[in-house]
Amino acid sequence: MPKKILIVEDDPVIVKYLQAVFSDNGYATCTAGTAGDAMDVVRAERPDLITLDLQLPGEWGPRFYRKLRQDEALRDIPVIVVSGIDGDHAIKGAIAFVKKPFDPEKLIGIVKNTIG
């Protein structure tokens, strides 16, 4: 069974691109366009890794991240921030910060180092 990555991103073009990059490398994906939806998807899908945009409609990515870390069942899921704004300081526990536009090979390298 392939490892699963949750893509938390509100731009449908970037979502499709990330889905293609991950599926081409053998990963399954699930998606959420808002932080609120993301919590529901995390609980339902139990992804192995999350890519998180910082700018989301409604609630920002850092707030979602804090909620994730407060939930004992979910707190150990690794998070890679993928964002167009410079906010690596906003999420201290993220395993990596990848600035948009990003190199897909670099991102896949981080993913493979993290979840295999």
C-alpha atoms as a PDB file:
ATOM      1  CA  MET A   1       0.000   0.000   0.000  1.00  0.00           C
ATOM      2  CA  PRO A   2       1.529   3.365  -0.996  1.00  0.00           C
ATOM      3  CA  LYS A   3       2.275   6.049   1.565  1.00  0.00           C
ATOM      4  CA  LYS A   4      -0.352   8.796   1.610  1.00  0.00           C
ATOM      5  CA  ILE A   5       0.276  12.547   1.435  1.00  0.00           C
ATOM      6  CA  LEU A   6      -2.329  15.152   2.364  1.00  0.00           C
ATOM      7  CA  ILE A   7      -2.007  18.291   0.210  1.00  0.00           C
ATOM      8  CA  VAL A   8      -3.421  21.313   2.055  1.00  0.00           C
ATOM      9  CA  GLU A   9      -3.595  23.966  -0.666  1.00  0.00           C
ATOM     10  CA  ASP A  10      -6.320  26.272  -1.993  1.00  0.00           C
ATOM     11  CA  ASP A  11      -4.918  26.822  -5.509  1.00  0.00           C
ATOM     12  CA  PRO A  12      -6.357  24.062  -7.760  1.00  0.00           C
ATOM     13  CA  VAL A  13      -3.468  24.358 -10.241  1.00  0.00           C
ATOM     14  CA  ILE A  14      -0.892  23.701  -7.516  1.00  0.00           C
ATOM     15  CA  VAL A  15      -3.034  20.884  -6.082  1.00  0.00           C
ATOM     16  CA  LYS A  16      -3.107  19.123  -9.473  1.00  0.00           C
ATOM     17  CA  TYR A  17       0.628  19.659  -9.926  1.00  0.00           C
ATOM     18  CA  LEU A  18       1.476  18.266  -6.480  1.00  0.00           C
ATOM     19  CA  GLN A  19      -0.861  15.310  -7.047  1.00  0.00           C
ATOM     20  CA  ALA A  20       0.955  14.535 -10.309  1.00  0.00           C
ATOM     21  CA  VAL A  21       4.420  14.874  -8.744  1.00  0.00           C
ATOM     22  CA  PHE A  22       3.523  12.628  -5.823  1.00  0.00           C
ATOM     23  CA  SER A  23       1.633   9.998  -7.832  1.00  0.00           C
ATOM     24  CA  ASP A  24       4.471   9.830 -10.399  1.00  0.00           C
ATOM     25  CA  ASN A  25       6.714   8.883  -7.472  1.00  0.00           C
ATOM     26  CA  GLY A  26       4.410   6.194  -6.085  1.00  0.00           C
ATOM     27  CA  TYR A  27       2.539   8.110  -3.396  1.00  0.00           C
ATOM     28  CA  ALA A  28      -1.222   8.258  -2.855  1.00  0.00           C
ATOM     29  CA  THR A  29      -2.726  11.701  -2.221  1.00  0.00           C
ATOM     30  CA  CYS A  30      -5.714  13.306  -0.592  1.00  0.00           C
ATOM     31  CA  THR A  31      -6.459  17.019  -0.589  1.00  0.00           C
ATOM     32  CA  ALA A  32      -8.032  19.831   1.409  1.00  0.00           C
ATOM     33  CA  GLY A  33      -8.567  23.428   0.282  1.00  0.00           C
ATOM     34  CA  THR A  34      -9.073  24.953   3.733  1.00  0.00           C
ATOM     35  CA  ALA A  35      -7.622  24.409   7.201  1.00  0.00           C
ATOM     36  CA  GLY A  36     -11.035  23.334   8.492  1.00  0.00           C
ATOM     37  CA  ASP A  37     -11.398  20.692   5.798  1.00  0.00           C
ATOM     38  CA  ALA A  38      -7.811  19.605   6.419  1.00  0.00           C
ATOM     39  CA  MET A  39      -8.538  18.543  10.016  1.00  0.00           C
ATOM     40  CA  ASP A  40     -11.461  16.428   8.817  1.00  0.00           C
ATOM     41  CA  VAL A  41      -9.339  14.825   6.084  1.00  0.00           C
ATOM     42  CA  VAL A  42      -6.444  14.142   8.487  1.00  0.00           C
ATOM     43  CA  ARG A  43      -8.783  12.351  10.885  1.00  0.00           C
ATOM     44  CA  ALA A  44     -10.456  10.345   8.103  1.00  0.00           C
ATOM     45  CA  GLU A  45      -7.415   9.507   5.963  1.00  0.00           C
ATOM     46  CA  ARG A  46      -4.512   9.359   8.461  1.00  0.00           C
ATOM     47  CA  PRO A  47      -1.888  10.541   5.951  1.00  0.00           C
ATOM     48  CA  ASP A  48       1.783   9.687   6.381  1.00  0.00           C
ATOM     49  CA  LEU A  49       2.824  13.273   5.572  1.00  0.00           C
ATOM     50  CA  ILE A  50       1.185  16.671   5.027  1.00  0.00           C
ATOM     51  CA  THR A  51       2.180  19.483   2.678  1.00  0.00           C
ATOM     52  CA  LEU A  52       0.792  22.740   4.041  1.00  0.00           C
ATOM     53  CA  ASP A  53       0.313  26.127   2.424  1.00  0.00           C
ATOM     54  CA  LEU A  54       0.468  29.037   4.870  1.00  0.00           C
ATOM     55  CA  GLN A  55      -2.145  31.229   3.171  1.00  0.00           C
ATOM     56  CA  LEU A  56      -5.484  29.461   3.228  1.00  0.00           C
ATOM     57  CA  PRO A  57      -9.039  30.816   3.086  1.00  0.00           C
ATOM     58  CA  GLY A  58     -10.532  31.343   6.522  1.00  0.00           C
ATOM     59  CA  GLU A  59      -7.939  29.941   8.880  1.00  0.00           C
ATOM     60  CA  TRP A  60      -4.225  30.217   8.132  1.00  0.00           C
ATOM     61  CA  GLY A  61      -1.855  27.259   7.912  1.00  0.00           C
ATOM     62  CA  PRO A  62      -0.021  27.982  11.187  1.00  0.00           C
ATOM     63  CA  ARG A  63      -3.282  27.745  13.122  1.00  0.00           C
ATOM     64  CA  PHE A  64      -4.077  24.382  11.497  1.00  0.00           C
ATOM     65  CA  TYR A  65      -0.574  23.226  12.409  1.00  0.00           C
ATOM     66  CA  ARG A  66      -1.071  24.187  16.064  1.00  0.00           C
ATOM     67  CA  LYS A  67      -4.364  22.260  16.189  1.00  0.00           C
ATOM     68  CA  LEU A  68      -2.698  19.260  14.579  1.00  0.00           C
ATOM     69  CA  ARG A  69       0.092  19.269  17.168  1.00  0.00           C
ATOM     70  CA  GLN A  70      -2.409  19.505  20.052  1.00  0.00           C
ATOM     71  CA  ASP A  71      -4.107  16.257  18.969  1.00  0.00           C
ATOM     72  CA  GLU A  72      -2.189  13.296  20.414  1.00  0.00           C
ATOM     73  CA  ALA A  73      -3.299  10.938  17.643  1.00  0.00           C
ATOM     74  CA  LEU A  74      -2.125  13.321  14.899  1.00  0.00           C
ATOM     75  CA  ARG A  75       0.808  15.251  16.338  1.00  0.00           C
ATOM     76  CA  ASP A  76       3.526  13.016  14.908  1.00  0.00           C
ATOM     77  CA  ILE A  77       2.507  13.409  11.252  1.00  0.00           C
ATOM     78  CA  PRO A  78       5.401  15.208   9.513  1.00  0.00           C
ATOM     79  CA  VAL A  79       4.558  18.521   7.832  1.00  0.00           C
ATOM     80  CA  ILE A  80       6.323  20.197   4.911  1.00  0.00           C
ATOM     81  CA  VAL A  81       5.380  23.844   4.422  1.00  0.00           C
ATOM     82  CA  VAL A  82       4.966  24.673   0.712  1.00  0.00           C
ATOM     83  CA  SER A  83       4.192  28.379   0.425  1.00  0.00           C
ATOM     84  CA  GLY A  84       4.710  31.472  -1.657  1.00  0.00           C
ATOM     85  CA  ILE A  85       5.146  33.653   1.408  1.00  0.00           C
ATOM     86  CA  ASP A  86       8.306  33.537   3.450  1.00  0.00           C
ATOM     87  CA  GLY A  87       7.010  31.962   6.603  1.00  0.00           C
ATOM     88  CA  ASP A  88       9.418  29.261   7.665  1.00  0.00           C
ATOM     89  CA  HIS A  89       9.480  31.019  11.039  1.00  0.00           C
ATOM     90  CA  ALA A  90       5.691  30.606  11.360  1.00  0.00           C
ATOM     91  CA  ILE A  91       5.850  26.840  11.835  1.00  0.00           C
ATOM     92  CA  LYS A  92       8.818  25.853  13.953  1.00  0.00           C
ATOM     93  CA  GLY A  93       8.227  22.089  13.990  1.00  0.00           C
ATOM     94  CA  ALA A  94       7.850  21.615  10.234  1.00  0.00           C
ATOM     95  CA  ILE A  95      10.412  19.253   8.747  1.00  0.00           C
ATOM     96  CA  ALA A  96      11.045  21.593   5.812  1.00  0.00           C
ATOM     97  CA  PHE A  97       9.987  24.858   4.205  1.00  0.00           C
ATOM     98  CA  VAL A  98       9.741  24.817   0.408  1.00  0.00           C
ATOM     99  CA  LYS A  99       9.155  28.183  -1.264  1.00  0.00           C
ATOM    100  CA  LYS A 100       6.880  28.434  -4.316  1.00  0.00           C
ATOM    101  CA  PRO A 101       7.735  28.119  -7.109  1.00  0.00           C
ATOM    102  CA  PHE A 102       9.540  24.966  -6.067  1.00  0.00           C
ATOM    103  CA  ASP A 103      11.738  22.325  -7.631  1.00  0.00           C
ATOM    104  CA  PRO A 104       9.695  19.095  -7.646  1.00  0.00           C
ATOM    105  CA  GLU A 105      12.858  16.976  -7.322  1.00  0.00           C
ATOM    106  CA  LYS A 106      13.848  18.831  -4.162  1.00  0.00           C
ATOM    107  CA  LEU A 107      10.374  18.323  -2.698  1.00  0.00           C
ATOM    108  CA  ILE A 108      10.332  14.608  -3.582  1.00  0.00           C
ATOM    109  CA  GLY A 109      13.787  14.252  -2.023  1.00  0.00           C
ATOM    110  CA  ILE A 110      12.475  15.687   1.252  1.00  0.00           C
ATOM    111  CA  VAL A 111       9.419  13.421   1.114  1.00  0.00           C
ATOM    112  CA  LYS A 112      11.505  10.291   0.428  1.00  0.00           C
ATOM    113  CA  ASN A 113      13.921  11.153   3.250  1.00  0.00           C
ATOM    114  CA  THR A 114      10.971  11.591   5.598  1.00  0.00           C
ATOM    115  CA  ILE A 115       8.558   8.740   4.826  1.00  0.00           C
ATOM    116  CA  GLY A 116      10.471   6.548   2.373  1.00  0.00           C
END
